[in-house]
Amino acid sequence: MAVISLEGMKFYAYHGYYPEERIIGGEYLVDVHISTNTHQAAVEDELAATINYETVYLIVGAEMRKSSKLLEQVILRIILGLKYQFSNMSSLEVKVTKLNPPMEGEVASSSLSEDESFADRCARCGRGNICYGDETCWCNAKELFSKTQENVKEQFGGQCLCKNCLGFFGAS
């Protein structure tokens, strides 16, 4: 497993609880750490087989341009953007640092970080599986009849199944 990191991405953005912060703006730093398997990319020497950090930067930049009251919302949008772009992340950490936050005293920065782990095991076969726990996951296969999907969830306690095991139940 490899960790692909972009650290110290600098943005001028308009986030903050107080209206003045969303008008005046401020400087922010963003760090992103993505764990993924890079073996195929290394063997093939192909960018498409790994996490393209230019794309990571563009997703982060797009989300930083959207004004929010809370850094929690900014981080959630960044995480969702990365999840929808990359299906091969086993974990992800995003940290947003606000430089010189408005306080009565001198404070260099405030920050918030959130991490998520998507590495899991298939409830049927036990093989490694990546599950994002949302509609992008194999376990929410649209090809399964709704009754079959209900039965599979009941049989395996709502745990995720890998694509191969879902194929056993009729998903393609």
C-alpha atoms as a PDB file:
ATOM      1  CA  MET A   1       0.000   0.000   0.000  1.00  0.00           C
ATOM      2  CA  ALA A   2       1.280   3.437  -0.898  1.00  0.00           C
ATOM      3  CA  VAL A   3       0.349   6.866   0.426  1.00  0.00           C
ATOM      4  CA  ILE A   4       0.006   9.648  -2.113  1.00  0.00           C
ATOM      5  CA  SER A   5       0.167  13.044  -0.396  1.00  0.00           C
ATOM      6  CA  LEU A   6      -0.340  16.637  -1.392  1.00  0.00           C
ATOM      7  CA  GLU A   7       0.696  18.911   1.449  1.00  0.00           C
ATOM      8  CA  GLY A   8       0.543  22.647   1.858  1.00  0.00           C
ATOM      9  CA  MET A   9      -1.866  23.408  -0.984  1.00  0.00           C
ATOM     10  CA  LYS A  10      -2.448  27.136  -0.473  1.00  0.00           C
ATOM     11  CA  PHE A  11      -5.763  28.865  -1.202  1.00  0.00           C
ATOM     12  CA  TYR A  12      -7.357  32.205  -0.531  1.00  0.00           C
ATOM     13  CA  ALA A  13     -10.934  31.340   0.374  1.00  0.00           C
ATOM     14  CA  TYR A  14     -14.060  32.739   1.997  1.00  0.00           C
ATOM     15  CA  HIS A  15     -14.925  30.381   4.863  1.00  0.00           C
ATOM     16  CA  GLY A  16     -15.924  31.302   8.374  1.00  0.00           C
ATOM     17  CA  TYR A  17     -18.781  31.466  10.795  1.00  0.00           C
ATOM     18  CA  TYR A  18     -18.843  35.259  10.835  1.00  0.00           C
ATOM     19  CA  PRO A  19     -20.183  37.099   7.761  1.00  0.00           C
ATOM     20  CA  GLU A  20     -17.042  39.255   7.640  1.00  0.00           C
ATOM     21  CA  GLU A  21     -14.907  36.138   7.129  1.00  0.00           C
ATOM     22  CA  ARG A  22     -17.017  35.156   4.130  1.00  0.00           C
ATOM     23  CA  ILE A  23     -16.623  38.669   2.684  1.00  0.00           C
ATOM     24  CA  ILE A  24     -12.938  39.419   3.436  1.00  0.00           C
ATOM     25  CA  GLY A  25     -11.616  35.864   3.137  1.00  0.00           C
ATOM     26  CA  GLY A  26      -8.365  34.423   4.371  1.00  0.00           C
ATOM     27  CA  GLU A  27      -5.475  32.068   3.656  1.00  0.00           C
ATOM     28  CA  TYR A  28      -5.877  28.319   4.003  1.00  0.00           C
ATOM     29  CA  LEU A  29      -3.612  25.307   3.694  1.00  0.00           C
ATOM     30  CA  VAL A  30      -4.948  21.886   2.699  1.00  0.00           C
ATOM     31  CA  ASP A  31      -3.207  18.522   3.117  1.00  0.00           C
ATOM     32  CA  VAL A  32      -4.517  15.329   1.514  1.00  0.00           C
ATOM     33  CA  HIS A  33      -3.157  11.817   2.130  1.00  0.00           C
ATOM     34  CA  ILE A  34      -4.568   8.937   0.088  1.00  0.00           C
ATOM     35  CA  SER A  35      -3.698   5.278   0.664  1.00  0.00           C
ATOM     36  CA  THR A  36      -3.993   3.131  -2.437  1.00  0.00           C
ATOM     37  CA  ASN A  37      -2.430   0.166  -4.169  1.00  0.00           C
ATOM     38  CA  THR A  38       0.042   1.478  -6.754  1.00  0.00           C
ATOM     39  CA  HIS A  39       1.416  -1.871  -7.954  1.00  0.00           C
ATOM     40  CA  GLN A  40      -0.430  -1.852 -11.288  1.00  0.00           C
ATOM     41  CA  ALA A  41       0.603   1.748 -11.993  1.00  0.00           C
ATOM     42  CA  ALA A  42       4.228   0.913 -11.221  1.00  0.00           C
ATOM     43  CA  VAL A  43       4.257  -2.145 -13.470  1.00  0.00           C
ATOM     44  CA  GLU A  44       2.425  -0.460 -16.369  1.00  0.00           C
ATOM     45  CA  ASP A  45       3.954   2.999 -15.836  1.00  0.00           C
ATOM     46  CA  GLU A  46       0.470   4.439 -16.455  1.00  0.00           C
ATOM     47  CA  LEU A  47      -1.024   7.458 -14.698  1.00  0.00           C
ATOM     48  CA  ALA A  48      -4.578   6.145 -15.218  1.00  0.00           C
ATOM     49  CA  ALA A  49      -3.814   3.207 -12.890  1.00  0.00           C
ATOM     50  CA  THR A  50      -3.088   5.416  -9.870  1.00  0.00           C
ATOM     51  CA  ILE A  51      -4.259   8.585  -8.105  1.00  0.00           C
ATOM     52  CA  ASN A  52      -3.540  11.619 -10.269  1.00  0.00           C
ATOM     53  CA  TYR A  53      -2.471  14.308  -7.822  1.00  0.00           C
ATOM     54  CA  GLU A  54      -3.231  17.053 -10.362  1.00  0.00           C
ATOM     55  CA  THR A  55      -6.863  15.882 -10.279  1.00  0.00           C
ATOM     56  CA  VAL A  56      -6.731  15.851  -6.459  1.00  0.00           C
ATOM     57  CA  TYR A  57      -5.549  19.481  -6.528  1.00  0.00           C
ATOM     58  CA  LEU A  58      -8.319  20.497  -8.941  1.00  0.00           C
ATOM     59  CA  ILE A  59     -11.013  18.859  -6.776  1.00  0.00           C
ATOM     60  CA  VAL A  60      -9.668  20.528  -3.624  1.00  0.00           C
ATOM     61  CA  GLY A  61      -9.451  23.886  -5.395  1.00  0.00           C
ATOM     62  CA  ALA A  62     -13.020  23.651  -6.670  1.00  0.00           C
ATOM     63  CA  GLU A  63     -14.331  22.931  -3.179  1.00  0.00           C
ATOM     64  CA  MET A  64     -12.238  25.672  -1.582  1.00  0.00           C
ATOM     65  CA  ARG A  65     -13.827  28.217  -3.958  1.00  0.00           C
ATOM     66  CA  LYS A  66     -17.296  27.459  -2.487  1.00  0.00           C
ATOM     67  CA  SER A  67     -17.878  29.589   0.609  1.00  0.00           C
ATOM     68  CA  SER A  68     -18.876  27.771   3.807  1.00  0.00           C
ATOM     69  CA  LYS A  69     -19.442  28.703   7.425  1.00  0.00           C
ATOM     70  CA  LEU A  70     -17.683  25.600   8.747  1.00  0.00           C
ATOM     71  CA  LEU A  71     -14.488  23.789   7.775  1.00  0.00           C
ATOM     72  CA  GLU A  72     -16.411  20.573   8.486  1.00  0.00           C
ATOM     73  CA  GLN A  73     -18.524  21.231   5.395  1.00  0.00           C
ATOM     74  CA  VAL A  74     -15.479  22.072   3.272  1.00  0.00           C
ATOM     75  CA  ILE A  75     -13.772  18.808   4.271  1.00  0.00           C
ATOM     76  CA  LEU A  76     -16.941  16.789   3.623  1.00  0.00           C
ATOM     77  CA  ARG A  77     -17.185  18.209   0.094  1.00  0.00           C
ATOM     78  CA  ILE A  78     -13.503  17.454  -0.579  1.00  0.00           C
ATOM     79  CA  ILE A  79     -13.898  13.871   0.660  1.00  0.00           C
ATOM     80  CA  LEU A  80     -17.020  13.316  -1.446  1.00  0.00           C
ATOM     81  CA  GLY A  81     -15.338  14.787  -4.524  1.00  0.00           C
ATOM     82  CA  LEU A  82     -12.344  12.474  -4.117  1.00  0.00           C
ATOM     83  CA  LYS A  83     -14.544   9.423  -3.438  1.00  0.00           C
ATOM     84  CA  TYR A  84     -16.515  10.004  -6.623  1.00  0.00           C
ATOM     85  CA  GLN A  85     -13.362  10.500  -8.686  1.00  0.00           C
ATOM     86  CA  PHE A  86     -11.217   7.645  -7.376  1.00  0.00           C
ATOM     87  CA  SER A  87     -12.607   4.168  -6.713  1.00  0.00           C
ATOM     88  CA  ASN A  88      -9.317   2.684  -5.516  1.00  0.00           C
ATOM     89  CA  MET A  89      -8.636   4.543  -2.264  1.00  0.00           C
ATOM     90  CA  SER A  90      -8.315   2.364   0.816  1.00  0.00           C
ATOM     91  CA  SER A  91      -8.132   5.378   3.143  1.00  0.00           C
ATOM     92  CA  LEU A  92      -8.149   9.145   2.934  1.00  0.00           C
ATOM     93  CA  GLU A  93      -7.167  11.989   5.258  1.00  0.00           C
ATOM     94  CA  VAL A  94      -7.982  15.643   4.609  1.00  0.00           C
ATOM     95  CA  LYS A  95      -6.737  18.506   6.773  1.00  0.00           C
ATOM     96  CA  VAL A  96      -7.735  22.149   6.309  1.00  0.00           C
ATOM     97  CA  THR A  97      -5.780  24.818   8.178  1.00  0.00           C
ATOM     98  CA  LYS A  98      -7.021  28.377   8.516  1.00  0.00           C
ATOM     99  CA  LEU A  99      -4.110  30.783   8.877  1.00  0.00           C
ATOM    100  CA  ASN A 100      -4.472  33.719  11.284  1.00  0.00           C
ATOM    101  CA  PRO A 101      -8.069  33.032  12.384  1.00  0.00           C
ATOM    102  CA  PRO A 102      -9.881  36.060  13.817  1.00  0.00           C
ATOM    103  CA  MET A 103      -9.381  35.853  17.593  1.00  0.00           C
ATOM    104  CA  GLU A 104      -8.906  38.362  20.362  1.00  0.00           C
ATOM    105  CA  GLY A 105      -5.352  37.108  20.825  1.00  0.00           C
ATOM    106  CA  GLU A 106      -2.635  36.049  18.429  1.00  0.00           C
ATOM    107  CA  VAL A 107      -3.279  32.585  16.934  1.00  0.00           C
ATOM    108  CA  ALA A 108      -1.147  31.308  14.049  1.00  0.00           C
ATOM    109  CA  SER A 109      -3.721  28.832  12.754  1.00  0.00           C
ATOM    110  CA  SER A 110      -6.667  26.609  13.462  1.00  0.00           C
ATOM    111  CA  SER A 111      -7.214  23.335  11.670  1.00  0.00           C
ATOM    112  CA  LEU A 112      -9.551  20.438  11.254  1.00  0.00           C
ATOM    113  CA  SER A 113      -8.744  17.037   9.845  1.00  0.00           C
ATOM    114  CA  GLU A 114     -10.878  14.052   9.036  1.00  0.00           C
ATOM    115  CA  ASP A 115      -9.911  10.605   7.915  1.00  0.00           C
ATOM    116  CA  GLU A 116     -11.900   7.740   6.486  1.00  0.00           C
ATOM    117  CA  SER A 117     -10.981   4.133   5.889  1.00  0.00           C
ATOM    118  CA  PHE A 118     -12.609   2.226   3.052  1.00  0.00           C
ATOM    119  CA  ALA A 119     -10.668  -1.035   3.346  1.00  0.00           C
ATOM    120  CA  ASP A 120     -12.985  -3.853   4.274  1.00  0.00           C
ATOM    121  CA  ARG A 121     -13.488  -7.567   3.804  1.00  0.00           C
ATOM    122  CA  CYS A 122     -16.239  -9.121   1.711  1.00  0.00           C
ATOM    123  CA  ALA A 123     -18.857 -10.588   4.058  1.00  0.00           C
ATOM    124  CA  ARG A 124     -19.255 -13.654   1.799  1.00  0.00           C
ATOM    125  CA  CYS A 125     -15.737 -14.645   0.684  1.00  0.00           C
ATOM    126  CA  GLY A 126     -13.525 -12.683   3.094  1.00  0.00           C
ATOM    127  CA  ARG A 127     -11.333 -11.156   0.370  1.00  0.00           C
ATOM    128  CA  GLY A 128     -10.158  -7.581   0.624  1.00  0.00           C
ATOM    129  CA  ASN A 129     -12.713  -5.101  -0.607  1.00  0.00           C
ATOM    130  CA  ILE A 130     -12.953  -1.339  -0.863  1.00  0.00           C
ATOM    131  CA  CYS A 131     -16.331   0.033   0.205  1.00  0.00           C
ATOM    132  CA  TYR A 132     -17.175   3.733   0.257  1.00  0.00           C
ATOM    133  CA  GLY A 133     -20.462   3.029   2.034  1.00  0.00           C
ATOM    134  CA  ASP A 134     -22.523   5.045  -0.424  1.00  0.00           C
ATOM    135  CA  GLU A 135     -24.224   4.614  -3.792  1.00  0.00           C
ATOM    136  CA  THR A 136     -20.855   4.152  -5.539  1.00  0.00           C
ATOM    137  CA  CYS A 137     -20.254   0.828  -3.752  1.00  0.00           C
ATOM    138  CA  TRP A 138     -20.726  -2.573  -5.376  1.00  0.00           C
ATOM    139  CA  CYS A 139     -23.090  -3.523  -2.537  1.00  0.00           C
ATOM    140  CA  ASN A 140     -25.627  -1.075  -3.954  1.00  0.00           C
ATOM    141  CA  ALA A 141     -25.687  -2.776  -7.361  1.00  0.00           C
ATOM    142  CA  LYS A 142     -28.578  -1.422  -9.406  1.00  0.00           C
ATOM    143  CA  GLU A 143     -28.689  -4.636 -11.455  1.00  0.00           C
ATOM    144  CA  LEU A 144     -30.040  -6.666  -8.521  1.00  0.00           C
ATOM    145  CA  PHE A 145     -33.773  -6.971  -8.071  1.00  0.00           C
ATOM    146  CA  SER A 146     -34.823  -5.034  -4.988  1.00  0.00           C
ATOM    147  CA  LYS A 147     -36.023  -8.212  -3.244  1.00  0.00           C
ATOM    148  CA  THR A 148     -32.695  -9.952  -3.996  1.00  0.00           C
ATOM    149  CA  GLN A 149     -30.819  -6.925  -2.678  1.00  0.00           C
ATOM    150  CA  GLU A 150     -32.909  -7.009   0.531  1.00  0.00           C
ATOM    151  CA  ASN A 151     -32.210 -10.743   0.960  1.00  0.00           C
ATOM    152  CA  VAL A 152     -28.454 -10.280   0.425  1.00  0.00           C
ATOM    153  CA  LYS A 153     -28.334  -7.443   2.980  1.00  0.00           C
ATOM    154  CA  GLU A 154     -30.320  -9.523   5.477  1.00  0.00           C
ATOM    155  CA  GLN A 155     -28.232 -12.671   4.903  1.00  0.00           C
ATOM    156  CA  PHE A 156     -24.910 -10.833   5.399  1.00  0.00           C
ATOM    157  CA  GLY A 157     -26.019  -8.408   8.103  1.00  0.00           C
ATOM    158  CA  GLY A 158     -25.884  -5.361   5.855  1.00  0.00           C
ATOM    159  CA  GLN A 159     -22.141  -5.830   5.308  1.00  0.00           C
ATOM    160  CA  CYS A 160     -20.629  -5.138   1.914  1.00  0.00           C
ATOM    161  CA  LEU A 161     -19.944  -7.856  -0.660  1.00  0.00           C
ATOM    162  CA  CYS A 162     -17.269  -7.683  -3.343  1.00  0.00           C
ATOM    163  CA  LYS A 163     -18.149  -7.426  -7.025  1.00  0.00           C
ATOM    164  CA  ASN A 164     -17.413 -11.127  -7.614  1.00  0.00           C
ATOM    165  CA  CYS A 165     -19.756 -12.283  -4.860  1.00  0.00           C
ATOM    166  CA  LEU A 166     -22.496  -9.895  -5.977  1.00  0.00           C
ATOM    167  CA  GLY A 167     -22.149 -11.538  -9.415  1.00  0.00           C
ATOM    168  CA  PHE A 168     -23.172 -14.792  -7.744  1.00  0.00           C
ATOM    169  CA  PHE A 169     -26.515 -13.125  -6.958  1.00  0.00           C
ATOM    170  CA  GLY A 170     -26.969 -11.733 -10.470  1.00  0.00           C
ATOM    171  CA  ALA A 171     -25.149  -8.384 -10.484  1.00  0.00           C
ATOM    172  CA  SER A 172     -22.898  -7.737 -13.452  1.00  0.00           C
END
